[in-house]
Amino acid sequence: MRMLESDWKKFKELYKIALDRFCLRVLAEAETIAEHDALSPHARYRTLYQLMRDRDKDIVRTFDHYSRSSALMALETMVSHDLLTDAELSVLSDEAQAMVADVVRRPHKIKWAEEGVSYD
């Protein structure tokens, strides 16, 4: 389904907000991992490496298909990653809001690497 022209103009602004928010969250997660002194440097590195691989896939799926024809799908993904508030979404038409109303918000969580890889 193609997004209305009026929503497309507003989507462009929401896109910027969501992209900035996504990047800030990844940077905050990276900082949390780097500062987690209870884990060895190697476990932190492995956790950070996996985080970047996972988030890179997410950023591609969410932000690399920048067109009016794929905007509703991108908007759904942004909402599922909890990158836009209800107040921010309220600028869209009732039709566009209805398309994302049932999307479950699942913010990212860090998947911590296990300690102690044995090479015996």
PDB file of N, CA and C in Angstrom:
ATOM      1  N   MET A   1       0.843  -1.186   0.000  1.00  0.00           N
ATOM      2  CA  MET A   1       0.000   0.000   0.000  1.00  0.00           C
ATOM      3  C   MET A   1       0.885   1.244   0.000  1.00  0.00           C
ATOM      4  N   ARG A   2       0.522   2.169  -0.799  1.00  0.00           N
ATOM      5  CA  ARG A   2       1.304   3.404  -0.935  1.00  0.00           C
ATOM      6  C   ARG A   2       0.813   4.451   0.060  1.00  0.00           C
ATOM      7  N   MET A   3       1.746   5.153   0.662  1.00  0.00           N
ATOM      8  CA  MET A   3       1.438   6.185   1.651  1.00  0.00           C
ATOM      9  C   MET A   3       0.878   7.427   0.959  1.00  0.00           C
ATOM     10  N   LEU A   4      -0.086   8.072   1.603  1.00  0.00           N
ATOM     11  CA  LEU A   4      -0.638   9.320   1.083  1.00  0.00           C
ATOM     12  C   LEU A   4       0.464  10.375   0.978  1.00  0.00           C
ATOM     13  N   GLU A   5       0.327  11.270   0.019  1.00  0.00           N
ATOM     14  CA  GLU A   5       1.321  12.330  -0.173  1.00  0.00           C
ATOM     15  C   GLU A   5       1.491  13.181   1.086  1.00  0.00           C
ATOM     16  N   SER A   6       0.390  13.508   1.749  1.00  0.00           N
ATOM     17  CA  SER A   6       0.463  14.323   2.971  1.00  0.00           C
ATOM     18  C   SER A   6       1.214  13.583   4.086  1.00  0.00           C
ATOM     19  N   ASP A   7       1.016  12.276   4.185  1.00  0.00           N
ATOM     20  CA  ASP A   7       1.739  11.480   5.180  1.00  0.00           C
ATOM     21  C   ASP A   7       3.203  11.334   4.801  1.00  0.00           C
ATOM     22  N   TRP A   8       3.483  11.232   3.516  1.00  0.00           N
ATOM     23  CA  TRP A   8       4.858  11.083   3.044  1.00  0.00           C
ATOM     24  C   TRP A   8       5.708  12.276   3.490  1.00  0.00           C
ATOM     25  N   LYS A   9       5.168  13.467   3.383  1.00  0.00           N
ATOM     26  CA  LYS A   9       5.894  14.669   3.811  1.00  0.00           C
ATOM     27  C   LYS A   9       6.187  14.620   5.313  1.00  0.00           C
ATOM     28  N   LYS A  10       5.224  14.174   6.089  1.00  0.00           N
ATOM     29  CA  LYS A  10       5.409  14.070   7.543  1.00  0.00           C
ATOM     30  C   LYS A  10       6.328  12.897   7.894  1.00  0.00           C
ATOM     31  N   PHE A  11       6.231  11.826   7.108  1.00  0.00           N
ATOM     32  CA  PHE A  11       7.080  10.656   7.321  1.00  0.00           C
ATOM     33  C   PHE A  11       8.556  11.025   7.217  1.00  0.00           C
ATOM     34  N   LYS A  12       8.898  11.917   6.291  1.00  0.00           N
ATOM     35  CA  LYS A  12      10.291  12.321   6.119  1.00  0.00           C
ATOM     36  C   LYS A  12      10.871  12.888   7.410  1.00  0.00           C
ATOM     37  N   GLU A  13      10.070  13.633   8.152  1.00  0.00           N
ATOM     38  CA  GLU A  13      10.519  14.180   9.445  1.00  0.00           C
ATOM     39  C   GLU A  13      10.584  13.073  10.501  1.00  0.00           C
ATOM     40  N   LEU A  14       9.587  12.199  10.510  1.00  0.00           N
ATOM     41  CA  LEU A  14       9.580  11.082  11.463  1.00  0.00           C
ATOM     42  C   LEU A  14      10.767  10.153  11.214  1.00  0.00           C
ATOM     43  N   TYR A  15      11.107   9.984   9.957  1.00  0.00           N
ATOM     44  CA  TYR A  15      12.250   9.167   9.569  1.00  0.00           C
ATOM     45  C   TYR A  15      13.527   9.686  10.231  1.00  0.00           C
ATOM     46  N   LYS A  16      13.746  10.993  10.156  1.00  0.00           N
ATOM     47  CA  LYS A  16      14.935  11.605  10.759  1.00  0.00           C
ATOM     48  C   LYS A  16      14.959  11.396  12.268  1.00  0.00           C
ATOM     49  N   ILE A  17      13.818  11.589  12.907  1.00  0.00           N
ATOM     50  CA  ILE A  17      13.720  11.398  14.360  1.00  0.00           C
ATOM     51  C   ILE A  17      14.047   9.958  14.726  1.00  0.00           C
ATOM     52  N   ALA A  18      13.430   9.023  14.005  1.00  0.00           N
ATOM     53  CA  ALA A  18      13.629   7.607  14.305  1.00  0.00           C
ATOM     54  C   ALA A  18      15.073   7.173  14.052  1.00  0.00           C
ATOM     55  N   LEU A  19      15.673   7.654  12.973  1.00  0.00           N
ATOM     56  CA  LEU A  19      17.062   7.294  12.678  1.00  0.00           C
ATOM     57  C   LEU A  19      18.008   7.817  13.755  1.00  0.00           C
ATOM     58  N   ASP A  20      17.830   9.065  14.161  1.00  0.00           N
ATOM     59  CA  ASP A  20      18.661   9.620  15.233  1.00  0.00           C
ATOM     60  C   ASP A  20      18.475   8.836  16.528  1.00  0.00           C
ATOM     61  N   ARG A  21      17.239   8.530  16.843  1.00  0.00           N
ATOM     62  CA  ARG A  21      16.937   7.788  18.076  1.00  0.00           C
ATOM     63  C   ARG A  21      17.549   6.392  18.019  1.00  0.00           C
ATOM     64  N   PHE A  22      17.457   5.735  16.869  1.00  0.00           N
ATOM     65  CA  PHE A  22      18.054   4.413  16.701  1.00  0.00           C
ATOM     66  C   PHE A  22      19.559   4.472  16.956  1.00  0.00           C
ATOM     67  N   CYS A  23      20.220   5.419  16.301  1.00  0.00           N
ATOM     68  CA  CYS A  23      21.672   5.536  16.438  1.00  0.00           C
ATOM     69  C   CYS A  23      22.085   5.873  17.868  1.00  0.00           C
ATOM     70  N   LEU A  24      21.357   6.773  18.514  1.00  0.00           N
ATOM     71  CA  LEU A  24      21.665   7.113  19.901  1.00  0.00           C
ATOM     72  C   LEU A  24      21.509   5.905  20.823  1.00  0.00           C
ATOM     73  N   ARG A  25      20.499   5.096  20.580  1.00  0.00           N
ATOM     74  CA  ARG A  25      20.298   3.896  21.406  1.00  0.00           C
ATOM     75  C   ARG A  25      21.415   2.889  21.197  1.00  0.00           C
ATOM     76  N   VAL A  26      21.855   2.715  19.968  1.00  0.00           N
ATOM     77  CA  VAL A  26      22.954   1.788  19.706  1.00  0.00           C
ATOM     78  C   VAL A  26      24.225   2.289  20.381  1.00  0.00           C
ATOM     79  N   LEU A  27      24.485   3.575  20.305  1.00  0.00           N
ATOM     80  CA  LEU A  27      25.662   4.133  20.975  1.00  0.00           C
ATOM     81  C   LEU A  27      25.581   3.953  22.489  1.00  0.00           C
ATOM     82  N   ALA A  28      24.402   4.124  23.063  1.00  0.00           N
ATOM     83  CA  ALA A  28      24.223   3.927  24.503  1.00  0.00           C
ATOM     84  C   ALA A  28      24.413   2.454  24.871  1.00  0.00           C
ATOM     85  N   GLU A  29      23.919   1.556  24.030  1.00  0.00           N
ATOM     86  CA  GLU A  29      24.116   0.127  24.285  1.00  0.00           C
ATOM     87  C   GLU A  29      25.594  -0.229  24.210  1.00  0.00           C
ATOM     88  N   ALA A  30      26.287   0.325  23.230  1.00  0.00           N
ATOM     89  CA  ALA A  30      27.721   0.067  23.094  1.00  0.00           C
ATOM     90  C   ALA A  30      28.476   0.551  24.322  1.00  0.00           C
ATOM     91  N   GLU A  31      28.085   1.706  24.828  1.00  0.00           N
ATOM     92  CA  GLU A  31      28.726   2.241  26.034  1.00  0.00           C
ATOM     93  C   GLU A  31      28.450   1.340  27.238  1.00  0.00           C
ATOM     94  N   THR A  32      27.226   0.867  27.366  1.00  0.00           N
ATOM     95  CA  THR A  32      26.866  -0.038  28.463  1.00  0.00           C
ATOM     96  C   THR A  32      27.714  -1.307  28.407  1.00  0.00           C
ATOM     97  N   ILE A  33      27.882  -1.835  27.215  1.00  0.00           N
ATOM     98  CA  ILE A  33      28.686  -3.049  27.035  1.00  0.00           C
ATOM     99  C   ILE A  33      30.143  -2.770  27.390  1.00  0.00           C
ATOM    100  N   ALA A  34      30.692  -1.701  26.861  1.00  0.00           N
ATOM    101  CA  ALA A  34      32.103  -1.380  27.087  1.00  0.00           C
ATOM    102  C   ALA A  34      32.416  -1.159  28.564  1.00  0.00           C
ATOM    103  N   GLU A  35      31.452  -0.628  29.297  1.00  0.00           N
ATOM    104  CA  GLU A  35      31.676  -0.305  30.708  1.00  0.00           C
ATOM    105  C   GLU A  35      31.260  -1.423  31.664  1.00  0.00           C
ATOM    106  N   HIS A  36      30.834  -2.555  31.165  1.00  0.00           N
ATOM    107  CA  HIS A  36      30.360  -3.664  32.011  1.00  0.00           C
ATOM    108  C   HIS A  36      31.570  -4.440  32.542  1.00  0.00           C
ATOM    109  N   ASP A  37      32.158  -3.921  33.614  1.00  0.00           N
ATOM    110  CA  ASP A  37      33.404  -4.475  34.156  1.00  0.00           C
ATOM    111  C   ASP A  37      33.274  -5.872  34.735  1.00  0.00           C
ATOM    112  N   ALA A  38      32.075  -6.357  34.957  1.00  0.00           N
ATOM    113  CA  ALA A  38      31.890  -7.709  35.485  1.00  0.00           C
ATOM    114  C   ALA A  38      32.230  -8.763  34.435  1.00  0.00           C
ATOM    115  N   LEU A  39      32.240  -8.376  33.182  1.00  0.00           N
ATOM    116  CA  LEU A  39      32.593  -9.299  32.109  1.00  0.00           C
ATOM    117  C   LEU A  39      34.033  -9.056  31.667  1.00  0.00           C
ATOM    118  N   SER A  40      34.633 -10.097  31.162  1.00  0.00           N
ATOM    119  CA  SER A  40      36.002  -9.960  30.642  1.00  0.00           C
ATOM    120  C   SER A  40      35.986  -9.076  29.392  1.00  0.00           C
ATOM    121  N   PRO A  41      37.134  -8.509  29.072  1.00  0.00           N
ATOM    122  CA  PRO A  41      37.203  -7.723  27.835  1.00  0.00           C
ATOM    123  C   PRO A  41      36.778  -8.531  26.607  1.00  0.00           C
ATOM    124  N   HIS A  42      37.135  -9.812  26.593  1.00  0.00           N
ATOM    125  CA  HIS A  42      36.777 -10.645  25.447  1.00  0.00           C
ATOM    126  C   HIS A  42      35.261 -10.828  25.350  1.00  0.00           C
ATOM    127  N   ALA A  43      34.584 -11.066  26.475  1.00  0.00           N
ATOM    128  CA  ALA A  43      33.130 -11.218  26.473  1.00  0.00           C
ATOM    129  C   ALA A  43      32.458  -9.908  26.054  1.00  0.00           C
ATOM    130  N   ARG A  44      33.004  -8.794  26.512  1.00  0.00           N
ATOM    131  CA  ARG A  44      32.448  -7.499  26.109  1.00  0.00           C
ATOM    132  C   ARG A  44      32.640  -7.275  24.612  1.00  0.00           C
ATOM    133  N   TYR A  45      33.808  -7.637  24.110  1.00  0.00           N
ATOM    134  CA  TYR A  45      34.064  -7.490  22.682  1.00  0.00           C
ATOM    135  C   TYR A  45      33.079  -8.336  21.877  1.00  0.00           C
ATOM    136  N   ARG A  46      32.897  -9.604  22.275  1.00  0.00           N
ATOM    137  CA  ARG A  46      31.980 -10.486  21.555  1.00  0.00           C
ATOM    138  C   ARG A  46      30.553  -9.953  21.613  1.00  0.00           C
ATOM    139  N   THR A  47      30.157  -9.424  22.774  1.00  0.00           N
ATOM    140  CA  THR A  47      28.819  -8.841  22.910  1.00  0.00           C
ATOM    141  C   THR A  47      28.672  -7.630  22.000  1.00  0.00           C
ATOM    142  N   LEU A  48      29.679  -6.778  21.989  1.00  0.00           N
ATOM    143  CA  LEU A  48      29.645  -5.578  21.147  1.00  0.00           C
ATOM    144  C   LEU A  48      29.634  -5.942  19.664  1.00  0.00           C
ATOM    145  N   TYR A  49      30.424  -6.929  19.291  1.00  0.00           N
ATOM    146  CA  TYR A  49      30.463  -7.378  17.902  1.00  0.00           C
ATOM    147  C   TYR A  49      29.083  -7.873  17.464  1.00  0.00           C
ATOM    148  N   GLN A  50      28.454  -8.695  18.282  1.00  0.00           N
ATOM    149  CA  GLN A  50      27.126  -9.219  17.953  1.00  0.00           C
ATOM    150  C   GLN A  50      26.085  -8.101  17.917  1.00  0.00           C
ATOM    151  N   LEU A  51      26.190  -7.170  18.847  1.00  0.00           N
ATOM    152  CA  LEU A  51      25.280  -6.023  18.860  1.00  0.00           C
ATOM    153  C   LEU A  51      25.357  -5.276  17.533  1.00  0.00           C
ATOM    154  N   MET A  52      26.553  -4.978  17.088  1.00  0.00           N
ATOM    155  CA  MET A  52      26.717  -4.208  15.858  1.00  0.00           C
ATOM    156  C   MET A  52      26.210  -4.990  14.646  1.00  0.00           C
ATOM    157  N   ARG A  53      26.441  -6.287  14.615  1.00  0.00           N
ATOM    158  CA  ARG A  53      25.915  -7.099  13.505  1.00  0.00           C
ATOM    159  C   ARG A  53      24.391  -7.080  13.495  1.00  0.00           C
ATOM    160  N   ASP A  54      23.790  -7.274  14.675  1.00  0.00           N
ATOM    161  CA  ASP A  54      22.327  -7.289  14.776  1.00  0.00           C
ATOM    162  C   ASP A  54      21.729  -5.930  14.422  1.00  0.00           C
ATOM    163  N   ARG A  55      22.299  -4.869  14.974  1.00  0.00           N
ATOM    164  CA  ARG A  55      21.753  -3.532  14.730  1.00  0.00           C
ATOM    165  C   ARG A  55      21.977  -3.098  13.285  1.00  0.00           C
ATOM    166  N   ASP A  56      23.067  -3.556  12.680  1.00  0.00           N
ATOM    167  CA  ASP A  56      23.303  -3.227  11.283  1.00  0.00           C
ATOM    168  C   ASP A  56      22.204  -3.836  10.406  1.00  0.00           C
ATOM    169  N   LYS A  57      21.806  -5.053  10.705  1.00  0.00           N
ATOM    170  CA  LYS A  57      20.702  -5.686   9.967  1.00  0.00           C
ATOM    171  C   LYS A  57      19.413  -4.895  10.175  1.00  0.00           C
ATOM    172  N   ASP A  58      19.176  -4.473  11.410  1.00  0.00           N
ATOM    173  CA  ASP A  58      17.963  -3.708  11.717  1.00  0.00           C
ATOM    174  C   ASP A  58      17.942  -2.353  11.024  1.00  0.00           C
ATOM    175  N   ILE A  59      19.078  -1.674  10.997  1.00  0.00           N
ATOM    176  CA  ILE A  59      19.107  -0.348  10.374  1.00  0.00           C
ATOM    177  C   ILE A  59      18.880  -0.464   8.866  1.00  0.00           C
ATOM    178  N   VAL A  60      19.394  -1.510   8.261  1.00  0.00           N
ATOM    179  CA  VAL A  60      19.174  -1.724   6.829  1.00  0.00           C
ATOM    180  C   VAL A  60      17.699  -1.988   6.571  1.00  0.00           C
ATOM    181  N   ARG A  61      17.100  -2.915   7.348  1.00  0.00           N
ATOM    182  CA  ARG A  61      15.684  -3.248   7.161  1.00  0.00           C
ATOM    183  C   ARG A  61      14.775  -2.049   7.382  1.00  0.00           C
ATOM    184  N   THR A  62      15.142  -1.194   8.297  1.00  0.00           N
ATOM    185  CA  THR A  62      14.271  -0.089   8.684  1.00  0.00           C
ATOM    186  C   THR A  62      14.481   1.172   7.863  1.00  0.00           C
ATOM    187  N   PHE A  63      15.725   1.488   7.549  1.00  0.00           N
ATOM    188  CA  PHE A  63      16.011   2.806   6.986  1.00  0.00           C
ATOM    189  C   PHE A  63      16.573   2.830   5.564  1.00  0.00           C
ATOM    190  N   ASP A  64      16.965   1.707   5.008  1.00  0.00           N
ATOM    191  CA  ASP A  64      17.598   1.742   3.691  1.00  0.00           C
ATOM    192  C   ASP A  64      16.622   1.765   2.516  1.00  0.00           C
ATOM    193  N   HIS A  65      15.367   1.507   2.756  1.00  0.00           N
ATOM    194  CA  HIS A  65      14.384   1.494   1.672  1.00  0.00           C
ATOM    195  C   HIS A  65      13.533   2.752   1.784  1.00  0.00           C
ATOM    196  N   TYR A  66      14.097   3.837   1.348  1.00  0.00           N
ATOM    197  CA  TYR A  66      13.487   5.150   1.525  1.00  0.00           C
ATOM    198  C   TYR A  66      12.686   5.516   0.285  1.00  0.00           C
ATOM    199  N   SER A  67      11.442   5.074   0.256  1.00  0.00           N
ATOM    200  CA  SER A  67      10.558   5.433  -0.850  1.00  0.00           C
ATOM    201  C   SER A  67       9.125   5.502  -0.324  1.00  0.00           C
ATOM    202  N   ARG A  68       8.321   6.197  -1.038  1.00  0.00           N
ATOM    203  CA  ARG A  68       6.923   6.347  -0.621  1.00  0.00           C
ATOM    204  C   ARG A  68       6.200   5.000  -0.633  1.00  0.00           C
ATOM    205  N   SER A  69       6.565   4.121  -1.558  1.00  0.00           N
ATOM    206  CA  SER A  69       5.901   2.830  -1.652  1.00  0.00           C
ATOM    207  C   SER A  69       6.268   1.889  -0.502  1.00  0.00           C
ATOM    208  N   SER A  70       7.422   2.092   0.121  1.00  0.00           N
ATOM    209  CA  SER A  70       7.821   1.229   1.230  1.00  0.00           C
ATOM    210  C   SER A  70       7.735   1.933   2.589  1.00  0.00           C
ATOM    211  N   ALA A  71       7.217   3.144   2.604  1.00  0.00           N
ATOM    212  CA  ALA A  71       7.202   3.943   3.828  1.00  0.00           C
ATOM    213  C   ALA A  71       6.337   3.338   4.933  1.00  0.00           C
ATOM    214  N   LEU A  72       5.194   2.763   4.599  1.00  0.00           N
ATOM    215  CA  LEU A  72       4.340   2.182   5.637  1.00  0.00           C
ATOM    216  C   LEU A  72       5.015   0.984   6.303  1.00  0.00           C
ATOM    217  N   MET A  73       5.702   0.178   5.506  1.00  0.00           N
ATOM    218  CA  MET A  73       6.431  -0.953   6.070  1.00  0.00           C
ATOM    219  C   MET A  73       7.549  -0.453   6.988  1.00  0.00           C
ATOM    220  N   ALA A  74       8.264   0.569   6.548  1.00  0.00           N
ATOM    221  CA  ALA A  74       9.330   1.146   7.365  1.00  0.00           C
ATOM    222  C   ALA A  74       8.759   1.739   8.648  1.00  0.00           C
ATOM    223  N   LEU A  75       7.620   2.396   8.540  1.00  0.00           N
ATOM    224  CA  LEU A  75       6.972   2.992   9.704  1.00  0.00           C
ATOM    225  C   LEU A  75       6.592   1.913  10.720  1.00  0.00           C
ATOM    226  N   GLU A  76       6.070   0.801  10.234  1.00  0.00           N
ATOM    227  CA  GLU A  76       5.730  -0.317  11.128  1.00  0.00           C
ATOM    228  C   GLU A  76       6.970  -0.812  11.865  1.00  0.00           C
ATOM    229  N   THR A  77       8.080  -0.919  11.162  1.00  0.00           N
ATOM    230  CA  THR A  77       9.325  -1.380  11.787  1.00  0.00           C
ATOM    231  C   THR A  77       9.829  -0.363  12.808  1.00  0.00           C
ATOM    232  N   MET A  78       9.727   0.913  12.491  1.00  0.00           N
ATOM    233  CA  MET A  78      10.136   1.959  13.437  1.00  0.00           C
ATOM    234  C   MET A  78       9.316   1.870  14.725  1.00  0.00           C
ATOM    235  N   VAL A  79       8.018   1.653  14.572  1.00  0.00           N
ATOM    236  CA  VAL A  79       7.150   1.537  15.746  1.00  0.00           C
ATOM    237  C   VAL A  79       7.494   0.261  16.519  1.00  0.00           C
ATOM    238  N   SER A  80       7.738  -0.836  15.818  1.00  0.00           N
ATOM    239  CA  SER A  80       8.056  -2.089  16.514  1.00  0.00           C
ATOM    240  C   SER A  80       9.346  -1.974  17.322  1.00  0.00           C
ATOM    241  N   HIS A  81      10.274  -1.157  16.858  1.00  0.00           N
ATOM    242  CA  HIS A  81      11.522  -0.923  17.598  1.00  0.00           C
ATOM    243  C   HIS A  81      11.372   0.208  18.613  1.00  0.00           C
ATOM    244  N   ASP A  82      10.156   0.716  18.760  1.00  0.00           N
ATOM    245  CA  ASP A  82       9.829   1.767  19.728  1.00  0.00           C
ATOM    246  C   ASP A  82      10.662   3.028  19.497  1.00  0.00           C
ATOM    247  N   LEU A  83      10.750   3.426  18.224  1.00  0.00           N
ATOM    248  CA  LEU A  83      11.549   4.592  17.857  1.00  0.00           C
ATOM    249  C   LEU A  83      10.732   5.863  17.719  1.00  0.00           C
ATOM    250  N   LEU A  84       9.403   5.743  17.717  1.00  0.00           N
ATOM    251  CA  LEU A  84       8.527   6.905  17.599  1.00  0.00           C
ATOM    252  C   LEU A  84       7.445   6.838  18.665  1.00  0.00           C
ATOM    253  N   THR A  85       7.149   7.967  19.256  1.00  0.00           N
ATOM    254  CA  THR A  85       6.117   8.031  20.289  1.00  0.00           C
ATOM    255  C   THR A  85       4.741   8.157  19.642  1.00  0.00           C
ATOM    256  N   ASP A  86       3.715   7.895  20.424  1.00  0.00           N
ATOM    257  CA  ASP A  86       2.348   8.085  19.938  1.00  0.00           C
ATOM    258  C   ASP A  86       2.109   9.543  19.566  1.00  0.00           C
ATOM    259  N   ALA A  87       2.673  10.456  20.338  1.00  0.00           N
ATOM    260  CA  ALA A  87       2.524  11.885  20.038  1.00  0.00           C
ATOM    261  C   ALA A  87       3.161  12.226  18.694  1.00  0.00           C
ATOM    262  N   GLU A  88       4.325  11.654  18.405  1.00  0.00           N
ATOM    263  CA  GLU A  88       4.976  11.912  17.126  1.00  0.00           C
ATOM    264  C   GLU A  88       4.158  11.328  15.968  1.00  0.00           C
ATOM    265  N   LEU A  89       3.580  10.161  16.188  1.00  0.00           N
ATOM    266  CA  LEU A  89       2.775   9.509  15.154  1.00  0.00           C
ATOM    267  C   LEU A  89       1.442  10.213  14.918  1.00  0.00           C
ATOM    268  N   SER A  90       1.009  11.009  15.871  1.00  0.00           N
ATOM    269  CA  SER A  90      -0.298  11.659  15.773  1.00  0.00           C
ATOM    270  C   SER A  90      -0.383  12.679  14.631  1.00  0.00           C
ATOM    271  N   VAL A  91       0.752  13.056  14.049  1.00  0.00           N
ATOM    272  CA  VAL A  91       0.734  13.999  12.925  1.00  0.00           C
ATOM    273  C   VAL A  91       0.278  13.329  11.633  1.00  0.00           C
ATOM    274  N   LEU A  92       0.264  12.009  11.613  1.00  0.00           N
ATOM    275  CA  LEU A  92      -0.124  11.263  10.418  1.00  0.00           C
ATOM    276  C   LEU A  92      -1.641  11.160  10.304  1.00  0.00           C
ATOM    277  N   SER A  93      -2.096  10.816   9.124  1.00  0.00           N
ATOM    278  CA  SER A  93      -3.529  10.640   8.886  1.00  0.00           C
ATOM    279  C   SER A  93      -4.058   9.481   9.735  1.00  0.00           C
ATOM    280  N   ASP A  94      -5.370   9.467   9.921  1.00  0.00           N
ATOM    281  CA  ASP A  94      -5.999   8.376  10.664  1.00  0.00           C
ATOM    282  C   ASP A  94      -5.703   7.033   9.995  1.00  0.00           C
ATOM    283  N   GLU A  95      -5.658   7.040   8.673  1.00  0.00           N
ATOM    284  CA  GLU A  95      -5.380   5.808   7.924  1.00  0.00           C
ATOM    285  C   GLU A  95      -3.982   5.273   8.244  1.00  0.00           C
ATOM    286  N   ALA A  96      -2.991   6.132   8.237  1.00  0.00           N
ATOM    287  CA  ALA A  96      -1.616   5.706   8.532  1.00  0.00           C
ATOM    288  C   ALA A  96      -1.489   5.275   9.994  1.00  0.00           C
ATOM    289  N   GLN A  97      -2.133   6.004  10.894  1.00  0.00           N
ATOM    290  CA  GLN A  97      -2.089   5.631  12.308  1.00  0.00           C
ATOM    291  C   GLN A  97      -2.741   4.267  12.526  1.00  0.00           C
ATOM    292  N   ALA A  98      -3.814   3.991  11.797  1.00  0.00           N
ATOM    293  CA  ALA A  98      -4.492   2.698  11.917  1.00  0.00           C
ATOM    294  C   ALA A  98      -3.584   1.562  11.453  1.00  0.00           C
ATOM    295  N   MET A  99      -2.748   1.829  10.459  1.00  0.00           N
ATOM    296  CA  MET A  99      -1.832   0.804   9.935  1.00  0.00           C
ATOM    297  C   MET A  99      -0.802   0.360  10.977  1.00  0.00           C
ATOM    298  N   VAL A 100      -0.451   1.256  11.893  1.00  0.00           N
ATOM    299  CA  VAL A 100       0.575   0.918  12.892  1.00  0.00           C
ATOM    300  C   VAL A 100      -0.002   0.746  14.293  1.00  0.00           C
ATOM    301  N   ALA A 101      -1.308   0.880  14.421  1.00  0.00           N
ATOM    302  CA  ALA A 101      -1.941   0.837  15.747  1.00  0.00           C
ATOM    303  C   ALA A 101      -1.739  -0.497  16.462  1.00  0.00           C
ATOM    304  N   ASP A 102      -1.695  -1.581  15.723  1.00  0.00           N
ATOM    305  CA  ASP A 102      -1.587  -2.905  16.341  1.00  0.00           C
ATOM    306  C   ASP A 102      -0.162  -3.441  16.391  1.00  0.00           C
ATOM    307  N   VAL A 103       0.787  -2.628  15.968  1.00  0.00           N
ATOM    308  CA  VAL A 103       2.182  -3.056  15.989  1.00  0.00           C
ATOM    309  C   VAL A 103       2.651  -3.125  17.444  1.00  0.00           C
ATOM    310  N   VAL A 104       3.240  -4.249  17.798  1.00  0.00           N
ATOM    311  CA  VAL A 104       3.746  -4.446  19.160  1.00  0.00           C
ATOM    312  C   VAL A 104       5.123  -3.814  19.263  1.00  0.00           C
ATOM    313  N   ARG A 105       5.278  -2.989  20.281  1.00  0.00           N
ATOM    314  CA  ARG A 105       6.572  -2.319  20.504  1.00  0.00           C
ATOM    315  C   ARG A 105       7.498  -3.270  21.258  1.00  0.00           C
ATOM    316  N   ARG A 106       8.635  -3.551  20.630  1.00  0.00           N
ATOM    317  CA  ARG A 106       9.638  -4.434  21.232  1.00  0.00           C
ATOM    318  C   ARG A 106      11.008  -3.773  21.113  1.00  0.00           C
ATOM    319  N   PRO A 107      11.332  -2.914  22.069  1.00  0.00           N
ATOM    320  CA  PRO A 107      12.646  -2.267  21.998  1.00  0.00           C
ATOM    321  C   PRO A 107      13.763  -3.314  22.046  1.00  0.00           C
ATOM    322  N   HIS A 108      14.890  -2.969  21.487  1.00  0.00           N
ATOM    323  CA  HIS A 108      16.037  -3.871  21.490  1.00  0.00           C
ATOM    324  C   HIS A 108      16.517  -4.149  22.909  1.00  0.00           C
ATOM    325  N   LYS A 109      17.092  -5.315  23.070  1.00  0.00           N
ATOM    326  CA  LYS A 109      17.756  -5.674  24.324  1.00  0.00           C
ATOM    327  C   LYS A 109      19.136  -6.216  23.975  1.00  0.00           C
ATOM    328  N   ILE A 110      20.065  -5.994  24.868  1.00  0.00           N
ATOM    329  CA  ILE A 110      21.426  -6.484  24.657  1.00  0.00           C
ATOM    330  C   ILE A 110      21.454  -7.990  24.912  1.00  0.00           C
ATOM    331  N   LYS A 111      22.078  -8.712  23.983  1.00  0.00           N
ATOM    332  CA  LYS A 111      22.288 -10.158  24.154  1.00  0.00           C
ATOM    333  C   LYS A 111      23.734 -10.341  24.606  1.00  0.00           C
ATOM    334  N   TRP A 112      23.900 -10.606  25.886  1.00  0.00           N
ATOM    335  CA  TRP A 112      25.238 -10.688  26.457  1.00  0.00           C
ATOM    336  C   TRP A 112      25.911 -11.995  26.065  1.00  0.00           C
ATOM    337  N   ALA A 113      27.193 -11.914  25.697  1.00  0.00           N
ATOM    338  CA  ALA A 113      27.989 -13.100  25.382  1.00  0.00           C
ATOM    339  C   ALA A 113      28.321 -13.828  26.675  1.00  0.00           C
ATOM    340  N   GLU A 114      28.446 -15.108  26.560  1.00  0.00           N
ATOM    341  CA  GLU A 114      28.814 -15.908  27.726  1.00  0.00           C
ATOM    342  C   GLU A 114      30.302 -15.812  27.973  1.00  0.00           C
ATOM    343  N   GLU A 115      30.650 -15.907  29.248  1.00  0.00           N
ATOM    344  CA  GLU A 115      32.059 -15.902  29.646  1.00  0.00           C
ATOM    345  C   GLU A 115      32.670 -17.267  29.371  1.00  0.00           C
ATOM    346  N   GLY A 116      33.960 -17.271  29.303  1.00  0.00           N
ATOM    347  CA  GLY A 116      34.724 -18.504  29.349  1.00  0.00           C
ATOM    348  C   GLY A 116      34.610 -19.425  28.168  1.00  0.00           C
ATOM    349  N   VAL A 117      35.095 -19.014  27.040  1.00  0.00           N
ATOM    350  CA  VAL A 117      35.202 -19.913  25.907  1.00  0.00           C
ATOM    351  C   VAL A 117      36.455 -20.737  26.128  1.00  0.00           C
ATOM    352  N   SER A 118      36.296 -22.048  26.138  1.00  0.00           N
ATOM    353  CA  SER A 118      37.431 -22.933  26.389  1.00  0.00           C
ATOM    354  C   SER A 118      37.994 -23.453  25.077  1.00  0.00           C
ATOM    355  N   TYR A 119      39.303 -23.456  24.985  1.00  0.00           N
ATOM    356  CA  TYR A 119      39.950 -23.953  23.771  1.00  0.00           C
ATOM    357  C   TYR A 119      40.784 -25.208  24.082  1.00  0.00           C
ATOM    358  N   ASP A 120      40.359 -25.963  25.102  1.00  0.00           N
ATOM    359  CA  ASP A 120      41.073 -27.189  25.490  1.00  0.00           C
ATOM    360  C   ASP A 120      40.822 -28.319  24.530  1.00  0.00           C
TER     361      ASP A 120
END
